[in-house]
Amino acid sequence: MVAALIASGLINAWFLVGSVGKLATTPYGQLLLLKLGLFFGMLALAALNRFHLVPSLVAAQENGESLASSLRRLRWSVRGEQVLGLLIVLIVSELGTMQPAIASARVLPLP
């Protein structure tokens, strides 16, 4: 699902931005880059949870150790994912109201 999400996002970005140069030079492109950075941060936290924090929680439980520290780290990481997800939704809502970067380069005739 993540790969499909990334692929569809790249195709959509190509149609809405038009070129790599416009990513850094237009407000739309800059906001899109911010969204992508937050998305990859969210993926990094998800990978940390899946491959490090959850296994350490299971290992602590199997060894009879205290789960409080492992649960606290996992809770903070999940909260971080939620905050990043909320910021992404806010950015997407703003992107939906903006003129795409590709349209800003065109001069539209007045009726």
C-alpha atoms as a PDB file:
ATOM      1  CA  MET A   1       0.000   0.000   0.000  1.00  0.00           C
ATOM      2  CA  VAL A   2       2.808   2.420   0.821  1.00  0.00           C
ATOM      3  CA  ALA A   3       4.476   1.761  -2.548  1.00  0.00           C
ATOM      4  CA  ALA A   4       1.169   2.373  -4.367  1.00  0.00           C
ATOM      5  CA  LEU A   5       0.671   5.573  -2.372  1.00  0.00           C
ATOM      6  CA  ILE A   6       4.156   6.810  -3.273  1.00  0.00           C
ATOM      7  CA  ALA A   7       3.744   5.888  -6.958  1.00  0.00           C
ATOM      8  CA  SER A   8       0.380   7.627  -7.286  1.00  0.00           C
ATOM      9  CA  GLY A   9       1.748  10.654  -5.433  1.00  0.00           C
ATOM     10  CA  LEU A  10       4.710  10.914  -7.798  1.00  0.00           C
ATOM     11  CA  ILE A  11       2.467  10.707 -10.870  1.00  0.00           C
ATOM     12  CA  ASN A  12       0.072  13.292  -9.434  1.00  0.00           C
ATOM     13  CA  ALA A  13       2.977  15.573  -8.501  1.00  0.00           C
ATOM     14  CA  TRP A  14       4.338  15.385 -12.034  1.00  0.00           C
ATOM     15  CA  PHE A  15       1.024  16.609 -13.443  1.00  0.00           C
ATOM     16  CA  LEU A  16       0.566  19.334 -10.814  1.00  0.00           C
ATOM     17  CA  VAL A  17       4.140  20.607 -10.551  1.00  0.00           C
ATOM     18  CA  GLY A  18       5.516  19.955 -14.031  1.00  0.00           C
ATOM     19  CA  SER A  19       9.241  19.992 -13.272  1.00  0.00           C
ATOM     20  CA  VAL A  20      11.659  19.313 -10.460  1.00  0.00           C
ATOM     21  CA  GLY A  21      12.787  22.947 -10.467  1.00  0.00           C
ATOM     22  CA  LYS A  22       9.304  24.152  -9.548  1.00  0.00           C
ATOM     23  CA  LEU A  23       9.387  22.092  -6.353  1.00  0.00           C
ATOM     24  CA  ALA A  24      11.772  24.559  -4.757  1.00  0.00           C
ATOM     25  CA  THR A  25      10.694  27.744  -6.505  1.00  0.00           C
ATOM     26  CA  THR A  26       6.913  27.760  -6.069  1.00  0.00           C
ATOM     27  CA  PRO A  27       4.858  27.864  -2.875  1.00  0.00           C
ATOM     28  CA  TYR A  28       2.923  24.796  -4.058  1.00  0.00           C
ATOM     29  CA  GLY A  29       6.135  22.861  -4.643  1.00  0.00           C
ATOM     30  CA  GLN A  30       7.624  23.898  -1.301  1.00  0.00           C
ATOM     31  CA  LEU A  31       4.511  22.796   0.566  1.00  0.00           C
ATOM     32  CA  LEU A  32       4.563  19.520  -1.355  1.00  0.00           C
ATOM     33  CA  LEU A  33       8.194  18.974  -0.344  1.00  0.00           C
ATOM     34  CA  LEU A  34       7.270  19.628   3.294  1.00  0.00           C
ATOM     35  CA  LYS A  35       4.454  17.092   3.015  1.00  0.00           C
ATOM     36  CA  LEU A  36       6.843  14.517   1.545  1.00  0.00           C
ATOM     37  CA  GLY A  37       9.358  15.110   4.326  1.00  0.00           C
ATOM     38  CA  LEU A  38       6.684  14.617   6.981  1.00  0.00           C
ATOM     39  CA  PHE A  39       5.438  11.492   5.185  1.00  0.00           C
ATOM     40  CA  PHE A  40       8.914   9.939   5.139  1.00  0.00           C
ATOM     41  CA  GLY A  41       9.342  10.886   8.805  1.00  0.00           C
ATOM     42  CA  MET A  42       6.097   9.070   9.546  1.00  0.00           C
ATOM     43  CA  LEU A  43       7.366   6.032   7.637  1.00  0.00           C
ATOM     44  CA  ALA A  44      10.606   6.116   9.626  1.00  0.00           C
ATOM     45  CA  LEU A  45       8.679   6.135  12.910  1.00  0.00           C
ATOM     46  CA  ALA A  46       6.493   3.267  11.687  1.00  0.00           C
ATOM     47  CA  ALA A  47       9.594   1.253  10.791  1.00  0.00           C
ATOM     48  CA  LEU A  48      11.119   2.028  14.205  1.00  0.00           C
ATOM     49  CA  ASN A  49       7.940   0.796  15.870  1.00  0.00           C
ATOM     50  CA  ARG A  50       7.656  -2.349  13.784  1.00  0.00           C
ATOM     51  CA  PHE A  51      11.270  -3.468  13.758  1.00  0.00           C
ATOM     52  CA  HIS A  52      12.667  -2.160  17.047  1.00  0.00           C
ATOM     53  CA  LEU A  53      10.152  -1.042  19.657  1.00  0.00           C
ATOM     54  CA  VAL A  54       7.576  -3.825  19.320  1.00  0.00           C
ATOM     55  CA  PRO A  55      10.229  -6.599  19.312  1.00  0.00           C
ATOM     56  CA  SER A  56      11.877  -5.049  22.393  1.00  0.00           C
ATOM     57  CA  LEU A  57       8.468  -4.937  24.086  1.00  0.00           C
ATOM     58  CA  VAL A  58       7.888  -8.628  23.286  1.00  0.00           C
ATOM     59  CA  ALA A  59      11.397  -9.524  24.498  1.00  0.00           C
ATOM     60  CA  ALA A  60      10.872  -7.647  27.763  1.00  0.00           C
ATOM     61  CA  GLN A  61       7.594  -9.462  28.328  1.00  0.00           C
ATOM     62  CA  GLU A  62       9.153 -12.859  27.602  1.00  0.00           C
ATOM     63  CA  ASN A  63      12.052 -12.160  29.976  1.00  0.00           C
ATOM     64  CA  GLY A  64       9.747 -10.996  32.747  1.00  0.00           C
ATOM     65  CA  GLU A  65      11.220  -7.483  32.694  1.00  0.00           C
ATOM     66  CA  SER A  66       9.297  -4.305  33.358  1.00  0.00           C
ATOM     67  CA  LEU A  67       7.265  -3.223  30.354  1.00  0.00           C
ATOM     68  CA  ALA A  68       6.905   0.394  31.472  1.00  0.00           C
ATOM     69  CA  SER A  69       9.984   1.739  29.658  1.00  0.00           C
ATOM     70  CA  SER A  70       9.248  -0.117  26.418  1.00  0.00           C
ATOM     71  CA  LEU A  71       5.602   0.928  26.483  1.00  0.00           C
ATOM     72  CA  ARG A  72       6.547   4.545  27.102  1.00  0.00           C
ATOM     73  CA  ARG A  73       8.904   4.613  24.087  1.00  0.00           C
ATOM     74  CA  LEU A  74       6.296   2.942  21.886  1.00  0.00           C
ATOM     75  CA  ARG A  75       3.576   5.338  23.076  1.00  0.00           C
ATOM     76  CA  TRP A  76       5.717   8.402  22.258  1.00  0.00           C
ATOM     77  CA  SER A  77       6.604   7.014  18.860  1.00  0.00           C
ATOM     78  CA  VAL A  78       2.960   6.322  17.994  1.00  0.00           C
ATOM     79  CA  ARG A  79       2.019   9.816  19.158  1.00  0.00           C
ATOM     80  CA  GLY A  80       4.732  11.189  16.893  1.00  0.00           C
ATOM     81  CA  GLU A  81       3.237   9.263  13.969  1.00  0.00           C
ATOM     82  CA  GLN A  82      -0.194  10.673  14.769  1.00  0.00           C
ATOM     83  CA  VAL A  83       1.107  14.254  14.938  1.00  0.00           C
ATOM     84  CA  LEU A  84       2.915  13.864  11.612  1.00  0.00           C
ATOM     85  CA  GLY A  85      -0.232  12.358  10.079  1.00  0.00           C
ATOM     86  CA  LEU A  86      -2.313  15.290  11.297  1.00  0.00           C
ATOM     87  CA  LEU A  87       0.197  17.776   9.881  1.00  0.00           C
ATOM     88  CA  ILE A  88       0.092  15.938   6.544  1.00  0.00           C
ATOM     89  CA  VAL A  89      -3.716  16.159   6.462  1.00  0.00           C
ATOM     90  CA  LEU A  90      -3.510  19.903   7.196  1.00  0.00           C
ATOM     91  CA  ILE A  91      -0.970  20.398   4.411  1.00  0.00           C
ATOM     92  CA  VAL A  92      -3.085  18.385   1.962  1.00  0.00           C
ATOM     93  CA  SER A  93      -6.093  20.542   2.784  1.00  0.00           C
ATOM     94  CA  GLU A  94      -4.038  23.653   2.023  1.00  0.00           C
ATOM     95  CA  LEU A  95      -2.642  22.155  -1.196  1.00  0.00           C
ATOM     96  CA  GLY A  96      -6.211  21.499  -2.330  1.00  0.00           C
ATOM     97  CA  THR A  97      -6.979  25.217  -2.218  1.00  0.00           C
ATOM     98  CA  MET A  98      -3.808  26.389  -3.951  1.00  0.00           C
ATOM     99  CA  GLN A  99      -3.136  26.875  -7.627  1.00  0.00           C
ATOM    100  CA  PRO A 100      -0.820  24.049  -8.788  1.00  0.00           C
ATOM    101  CA  ALA A 101       2.742  25.027  -9.667  1.00  0.00           C
ATOM    102  CA  ILE A 102       2.298  24.040 -13.316  1.00  0.00           C
ATOM    103  CA  ALA A 103      -0.616  26.476 -13.661  1.00  0.00           C
ATOM    104  CA  SER A 104       1.369  29.379 -12.234  1.00  0.00           C
ATOM    105  CA  ALA A 105       3.702  29.285 -15.232  1.00  0.00           C
ATOM    106  CA  ARG A 106       0.854  29.617 -17.740  1.00  0.00           C
ATOM    107  CA  VAL A 107      -0.723  32.893 -18.611  1.00  0.00           C
ATOM    108  CA  LEU A 108      -4.445  32.419 -18.922  1.00  0.00           C
ATOM    109  CA  PRO A 109      -6.342  34.728 -21.266  1.00  0.00           C
ATOM    110  CA  LEU A 110      -9.019  36.927 -19.756  1.00  0.00           C
ATOM    111  CA  PRO A 111     -12.558  36.227 -20.950  1.00  0.00           C
END
